[in-house]
Structures are given as structure tokens and as C-alpha cells.
PDB file of N, CA and C in Angstrom:
ATOM      1  N   UNK A   1      54.480  77.237  88.704  1.00  0.00           N
ATOM      2  CA  UNK A   1      53.130  77.709  88.930  1.00  0.00           C
ATOM      3  C   UNK A   1      53.123  78.580  90.182  1.00  0.00           C
ATOM      4  N   UNK A   2      52.462  79.718  90.093  1.00  0.00           N
ATOM      5  CA  UNK A   2      52.352  80.605  91.250  1.00  0.00           C
ATOM      6  C   UNK A   2      51.556  79.930  92.358  1.00  0.00           C
ATOM      7  N   UNK A   3      51.873  80.283  93.594  1.00  0.00           N
ATOM      8  CA  UNK A   3      51.169  79.696  94.737  1.00  0.00           C
ATOM      9  C   UNK A   3      49.678  79.978  94.663  1.00  0.00           C
ATOM     10  N   UNK A   4      49.279  81.196  94.288  1.00  0.00           N
ATOM     11  CA  UNK A   4      47.854  81.519  94.236  1.00  0.00           C
ATOM     12  C   UNK A   4      47.147  80.680  93.166  1.00  0.00           C
ATOM     13  N   UNK A   5      47.820  80.431  92.041  1.00  0.00           N
ATOM     14  CA  UNK A   5      47.232  79.604  90.984  1.00  0.00           C
ATOM     15  C   UNK A   5      47.106  78.163  91.465  1.00  0.00           C
ATOM     16  N   UNK A   6      48.106  77.670  92.152  1.00  0.00           N
ATOM     17  CA  UNK A   6      48.070  76.310  92.688  1.00  0.00           C
ATOM     18  C   UNK A   6      46.975  76.177  93.740  1.00  0.00           C
ATOM     19  N   UNK A   7      46.847  77.182  94.599  1.00  0.00           N
ATOM     20  CA  UNK A   7      45.777  77.169  95.606  1.00  0.00           C
ATOM     21  C   UNK A   7      44.408  77.132  94.942  1.00  0.00           C
ATOM     22  N   UNK A   8      44.230  77.867  93.866  1.00  0.00           N
ATOM     23  CA  UNK A   8      42.957  77.898  93.154  1.00  0.00           C
ATOM     24  C   UNK A   8      42.647  76.533  92.535  1.00  0.00           C
ATOM     25  N   UNK A   9      43.644  75.904  91.916  1.00  0.00           N
ATOM     26  CA  UNK A   9      43.444  74.584  91.323  1.00  0.00           C
ATOM     27  C   UNK A   9      43.111  73.571  92.418  1.00  0.00           C
ATOM     28  N   UNK A  10      43.828  73.621  93.533  1.00  0.00           N
ATOM     29  CA  UNK A  10      43.575  72.691  94.637  1.00  0.00           C
ATOM     30  C   UNK A  10      42.164  72.880  95.191  1.00  0.00           C
ATOM     31  N   UNK A  11      41.750  74.125  95.388  1.00  0.00           N
ATOM     32  CA  UNK A  11      40.400  74.390  95.896  1.00  0.00           C
ATOM     33  C   UNK A  11      39.348  73.866  94.928  1.00  0.00           C
ATOM     34  N   UNK A  12      39.522  74.146  93.634  1.00  0.00           N
ATOM     35  CA  UNK A  12      38.585  73.658  92.621  1.00  0.00           C
ATOM     36  C   UNK A  12      38.549  72.135  92.597  1.00  0.00           C
ATOM     37  N   UNK A  13      39.704  71.513  92.710  1.00  0.00           N
ATOM     38  CA  UNK A  13      39.776  70.053  92.694  1.00  0.00           C
ATOM     39  C   UNK A  13      39.006  69.455  93.865  1.00  0.00           C
ATOM     40  N   UNK A  14      39.317  69.909  95.084  1.00  0.00           N
ATOM     41  CA  UNK A  14      38.669  69.332  96.259  1.00  0.00           C
ATOM     42  C   UNK A  14      37.181  69.643  96.306  1.00  0.00           C
ATOM     43  N   UNK A  15      36.780  70.843  95.878  1.00  0.00           N
ATOM     44  CA  UNK A  15      35.353  71.151  95.805  1.00  0.00           C
ATOM     45  C   UNK A  15      34.681  70.264  94.755  1.00  0.00           C
ATOM     46  N   UNK A  16      35.368  70.015  93.656  1.00  0.00           N
ATOM     47  CA  UNK A  16      34.824  69.136  92.618  1.00  0.00           C
ATOM     48  C   UNK A  16      34.616  67.722  93.111  1.00  0.00           C
ATOM     49  N   UNK A  17      35.578  67.204  93.850  1.00  0.00           N
ATOM     50  CA  UNK A  17      35.451  65.862  94.435  1.00  0.00           C
ATOM     51  C   UNK A  17      34.282  65.835  95.414  1.00  0.00           C
ATOM     52  N   UNK A  18      34.195  66.840  96.261  1.00  0.00           N
ATOM     53  CA  UNK A  18      33.132  66.876  97.268  1.00  0.00           C
ATOM     54  C   UNK A  18      31.753  66.979  96.636  1.00  0.00           C
ATOM     55  N   UNK A  19      31.636  67.709  95.536  1.00  0.00           N
ATOM     56  CA  UNK A  19      30.336  67.852  94.870  1.00  0.00           C
ATOM     57  C   UNK A  19      29.972  66.581  94.088  1.00  0.00           C
ATOM     58  N   UNK A  20      30.935  65.980  93.438  1.00  0.00           N
ATOM     59  CA  UNK A  20      30.658  64.808  92.608  1.00  0.00           C
ATOM     60  C   UNK A  20      30.446  63.548  93.442  1.00  0.00           C
ATOM     61  N   UNK A  21      31.171  63.442  94.534  1.00  0.00           N
ATOM     62  CA  UNK A  21      31.146  62.221  95.347  1.00  0.00           C
ATOM     63  C   UNK A  21      30.993  62.588  96.825  1.00  0.00           C
ATOM     64  N   UNK A  22      29.851  63.170  97.197  1.00  0.00           N
ATOM     65  CA  UNK A  22      29.697  63.680  98.566  1.00  0.00           C
ATOM     66  C   UNK A  22      29.745  62.608  99.647  1.00  0.00           C
ATOM     67  N   UNK A  23      29.268  61.417  99.369  1.00  0.00           N
ATOM     68  CA  UNK A  23      29.284  60.366 100.389  1.00  0.00           C
ATOM     69  C   UNK A  23      30.706  59.877 100.622  1.00  0.00           C
ATOM     70  N   UNK A  24      31.406  59.575  99.555  1.00  0.00           N
ATOM     71  CA  UNK A  24      32.786  59.076  99.690  1.00  0.00           C
ATOM     72  C   UNK A  24      33.719  60.130 100.272  1.00  0.00           C
ATOM     73  N   UNK A  25      33.498  61.390  99.930  1.00  0.00           N
ATOM     74  CA  UNK A  25      34.432  62.422 100.373  1.00  0.00           C
ATOM     75  C   UNK A  25      34.296  62.777 101.852  1.00  0.00           C
ATOM     76  N   UNK A  26      33.160  62.445 102.474  1.00  0.00           N
ATOM     77  CA  UNK A  26      33.024  62.742 103.909  1.00  0.00           C
ATOM     78  C   UNK A  26      33.203  61.507 104.782  1.00  0.00           C
ATOM     79  N   UNK A  27      33.270  60.347 104.179  1.00  0.00           N
ATOM     80  CA  UNK A  27      33.352  59.109 104.944  1.00  0.00           C
ATOM     81  C   UNK A  27      34.792  58.625 105.060  1.00  0.00           C
ATOM     82  N   UNK A  28      35.176  58.221 106.254  1.00  0.00           N
ATOM     83  CA  UNK A  28      36.530  57.682 106.430  1.00  0.00           C
ATOM     84  C   UNK A  28      36.621  56.224 105.969  1.00  0.00           C
ATOM     85  N   UNK A  29      35.510  55.652 105.545  1.00  0.00           N
ATOM     86  CA  UNK A  29      35.537  54.281 105.028  1.00  0.00           C
ATOM     87  C   UNK A  29      36.153  54.210 103.633  1.00  0.00           C
ATOM     88  N   UNK A  30      36.175  55.318 102.930  1.00  0.00           N
ATOM     89  CA  UNK A  30      36.732  55.368 101.583  1.00  0.00           C
ATOM     90  C   UNK A  30      38.072  56.097 101.654  1.00  0.00           C
ATOM     91  N   UNK A  31      39.068  55.423 102.186  1.00  0.00           N
ATOM     92  CA  UNK A  31      40.356  56.044 102.485  1.00  0.00           C
ATOM     93  C   UNK A  31      41.075  56.566 101.248  1.00  0.00           C
ATOM     94  N   UNK A  32      40.696  56.104 100.055  1.00  0.00           N
ATOM     95  CA  UNK A  32      41.368  56.541  98.838  1.00  0.00           C
ATOM     96  C   UNK A  32      40.775  57.841  98.303  1.00  0.00           C
ATOM     97  N   UNK A  33      39.703  58.342  98.915  1.00  0.00           N
ATOM     98  CA  UNK A  33      39.138  59.639  98.560  1.00  0.00           C
ATOM     99  C   UNK A  33      39.683  60.680  99.526  1.00  0.00           C
ATOM    100  N   UNK A  34      39.947  61.879  99.041  1.00  0.00           N
ATOM    101  CA  UNK A  34      40.325  62.941  99.984  1.00  0.00           C
ATOM    102  C   UNK A  34      39.144  63.240 100.906  1.00  0.00           C
ATOM    103  N   UNK A  35      39.407  63.446 102.170  1.00  0.00           N
ATOM    104  CA  UNK A  35      38.352  63.758 103.132  1.00  0.00           C
ATOM    105  C   UNK A  35      38.098  65.263 103.088  1.00  0.00           C
ATOM    106  N   UNK A  36      37.024  65.621 102.407  1.00  0.00           N
ATOM    107  CA  UNK A  36      36.709  67.035 102.219  1.00  0.00           C
ATOM    108  C   UNK A  36      35.195  67.206 102.234  1.00  0.00           C
ATOM    109  N   UNK A  37      34.754  68.292 102.835  1.00  0.00           N
ATOM    110  CA  UNK A  37      33.329  68.589 102.897  1.00  0.00           C
ATOM    111  C   UNK A  37      32.943  69.517 101.753  1.00  0.00           C
ATOM    112  N   UNK A  38      31.788  69.298 101.157  1.00  0.00           N
ATOM    113  CA  UNK A  38      31.329  70.224 100.127  1.00  0.00           C
ATOM    114  C   UNK A  38      31.015  71.589 100.749  1.00  0.00           C
ATOM    115  N   UNK A  39      31.112  72.658  99.965  1.00  0.00           N
ATOM    116  CA  UNK A  39      30.848  74.005 100.501  1.00  0.00           C
ATOM    117  C   UNK A  39      29.466  74.121 101.156  1.00  0.00           C
ATOM    118  N   UNK A  40      28.451  73.563 100.515  1.00  0.00           N
ATOM    119  CA  UNK A  40      27.139  73.531 101.137  1.00  0.00           C
ATOM    120  C   UNK A  40      26.686  72.080 101.173  1.00  0.00           C
ATOM    121  N   UNK A  41      26.307  71.626 102.350  1.00  0.00           N
ATOM    122  CA  UNK A  41      25.927  70.223 102.523  1.00  0.00           C
ATOM    123  C   UNK A  41      24.522  69.973 101.983  1.00  0.00           C
ATOM    124  N   UNK A  42      24.394  68.968 101.161  1.00  0.00           N
ATOM    125  CA  UNK A  42      23.105  68.518 100.661  1.00  0.00           C
ATOM    126  C   UNK A  42      22.931  67.089 101.148  1.00  0.00           C
ATOM    127  N   UNK A  43      22.124  66.899 102.163  1.00  0.00           N
ATOM    128  CA  UNK A  43      21.982  65.591 102.787  1.00  0.00           C
ATOM    129  C   UNK A  43      21.230  64.601 101.913  1.00  0.00           C
ATOM    130  N   UNK A  44      20.715  65.062 100.774  1.00  0.00           N
ATOM    131  CA  UNK A  44      19.996  64.173  99.872  1.00  0.00           C
ATOM    132  C   UNK A  44      20.812  63.819  98.629  1.00  0.00           C
ATOM    133  N   UNK A  45      22.034  64.318  98.549  1.00  0.00           N
ATOM    134  CA  UNK A  45      22.895  64.051  97.400  1.00  0.00           C
ATOM    135  C   UNK A  45      23.637  62.728  97.597  1.00  0.00           C
ATOM    136  N   UNK A  46      23.722  61.971  96.534  1.00  0.00           N
ATOM    137  CA  UNK A  46      24.455  60.699  96.544  1.00  0.00           C
ATOM    138  C   UNK A  46      25.565  60.766  95.513  1.00  0.00           C
ATOM    139  N   UNK A  47      26.554  59.919  95.679  1.00  0.00           N
ATOM    140  CA  UNK A  47      27.630  59.827  94.697  1.00  0.00           C
ATOM    141  C   UNK A  47      27.046  59.355  93.369  1.00  0.00           C
ATOM    142  N   UNK A  48      27.557  59.923  92.311  1.00  0.00           N
ATOM    143  CA  UNK A  48      27.081  59.565  90.974  1.00  0.00           C
ATOM    144  C   UNK A  48      28.236  58.925  90.216  1.00  0.00           C
ATOM    145  N   UNK A  49      28.214  57.603  90.139  1.00  0.00           N
ATOM    146  CA  UNK A  49      29.264  56.875  89.438  1.00  0.00           C
ATOM    147  C   UNK A  49      28.803  56.431  88.051  1.00  0.00           C
ATOM    148  N   UNK A  50      27.862  57.164  87.475  1.00  0.00           N
ATOM    149  CA  UNK A  50      27.406  56.835  86.126  1.00  0.00           C
ATOM    150  C   UNK A  50      28.529  57.101  85.134  1.00  0.00           C
ATOM    151  N   UNK A  51      28.446  56.464  83.995  1.00  0.00           N
ATOM    152  CA  UNK A  51      29.489  56.619  82.979  1.00  0.00           C
ATOM    153  C   UNK A  51      29.653  58.079  82.570  1.00  0.00           C
ATOM    154  N   UNK A  52      28.553  58.770  82.358  1.00  0.00           N
ATOM    155  CA  UNK A  52      28.646  60.170  81.916  1.00  0.00           C
ATOM    156  C   UNK A  52      29.268  61.055  82.993  1.00  0.00           C
ATOM    157  N   UNK A  53      28.917  60.813  84.268  1.00  0.00           N
ATOM    158  CA  UNK A  53      29.483  61.621  85.353  1.00  0.00           C
ATOM    159  C   UNK A  53      30.975  61.349  85.503  1.00  0.00           C
ATOM    160  N   UNK A  54      31.382  60.096  85.387  1.00  0.00           N
ATOM    161  CA  UNK A  54      32.806  59.767  85.494  1.00  0.00           C
ATOM    162  C   UNK A  54      33.595  60.341  84.327  1.00  0.00           C
ATOM    163  N   UNK A  55      33.025  60.325  83.135  1.00  0.00           N
ATOM    164  CA  UNK A  55      33.697  60.932  81.979  1.00  0.00           C
ATOM    165  C   UNK A  55      33.856  62.432  82.183  1.00  0.00           C
ATOM    166  N   UNK A  56      32.798  63.077  82.667  1.00  0.00           N
ATOM    167  CA  UNK A  56      32.857  64.513  82.939  1.00  0.00           C
ATOM    168  C   UNK A  56      33.930  64.822  83.970  1.00  0.00           C
ATOM    169  N   UNK A  57      33.963  64.045  85.049  1.00  0.00           N
ATOM    170  CA  UNK A  57      34.946  64.294  86.088  1.00  0.00           C
ATOM    171  C   UNK A  57      36.359  63.998  85.595  1.00  0.00           C
ATOM    172  N   UNK A  58      36.506  62.981  84.777  1.00  0.00           N
ATOM    173  CA  UNK A  58      37.809  62.665  84.192  1.00  0.00           C
ATOM    174  C   UNK A  58      38.304  63.825  83.323  1.00  0.00           C
ATOM    175  N   UNK A  59      37.406  64.413  82.559  1.00  0.00           N
ATOM    176  CA  UNK A  59      37.777  65.580  81.744  1.00  0.00           C
ATOM    177  C   UNK A  59      38.223  66.738  82.629  1.00  0.00           C
ATOM    178  N   UNK A  60      37.528  66.937  83.737  1.00  0.00           N
ATOM    179  CA  UNK A  60      37.918  68.005  84.667  1.00  0.00           C
ATOM    180  C   UNK A  60      39.304  67.726  85.249  1.00  0.00           C
ATOM    181  N   UNK A  61      39.591  66.471  85.590  1.00  0.00           N
ATOM    182  CA  UNK A  61      40.915  66.126  86.110  1.00  0.00           C
ATOM    183  C   UNK A  61      42.002  66.415  85.088  1.00  0.00           C
ATOM    184  N   UNK A  62      41.731  66.117  83.848  1.00  0.00           N
ATOM    185  CA  UNK A  62      42.705  66.396  82.789  1.00  0.00           C
ATOM    186  C   UNK A  62      42.975  67.894  82.680  1.00  0.00           C
ATOM    187  N   UNK A  63      41.920  68.696  82.767  1.00  0.00           N
ATOM    188  CA  UNK A  63      42.101  70.156  82.706  1.00  0.00           C
ATOM    189  C   UNK A  63      42.904  70.643  83.898  1.00  0.00           C
ATOM    190  N   UNK A  64      42.623  70.118  85.094  1.00  0.00           N
ATOM    191  CA  UNK A  64      43.364  70.529  86.281  1.00  0.00           C
ATOM    192  C   UNK A  64      44.830  70.142  86.155  1.00  0.00           C
ATOM    193  N   UNK A  65      45.088  68.980  85.556  1.00  0.00           N
ATOM    194  CA  UNK A  65      46.464  68.518  85.401  1.00  0.00           C
ATOM    195  C   UNK A  65      47.259  69.477  84.495  1.00  0.00           C
ATOM    196  N   UNK A  66      46.581  69.986  83.481  1.00  0.00           N
ATOM    197  CA  UNK A  66      47.243  70.930  82.557  1.00  0.00           C
ATOM    198  C   UNK A  66      47.569  72.220  83.274  1.00  0.00           C
TER     199      UNK A  66
END
């Protein structure tokens, strides 16, 4: 994989984590989450661990893995 393609996948991945799980991604209490800030901070956004959101994020992880 080209470095630029890998950089793009990594950026998309970390931005995806930050958008889907903004509380966990900025808190050092959740050490198993990458510590990353979302591009634009929304102080009213909460992590969404609903079944549909987790399925959507799981699908995104599968695409990134490919």
C-alpha cells in the first residue's frame, strides 16, 4: 500500500473513531481507545453505543481493513 493511501486510511479511521465515540476518544480513562480529537469539537455529542451505530462502525472497520 502506498504511504499516501495508508495515511488517508489512518486519517479516516481516527476521524471516524473521534466522531463516533467523542467522549472515549478524548478521555485518558478509556486507554483502549486511541486518543484523538474530532476535527470540530461538539461539546454536546455523546458516544453512541447503540446496536445500529456499532454495526455501522463495524462495517466501516471492515472496509478500512480491506
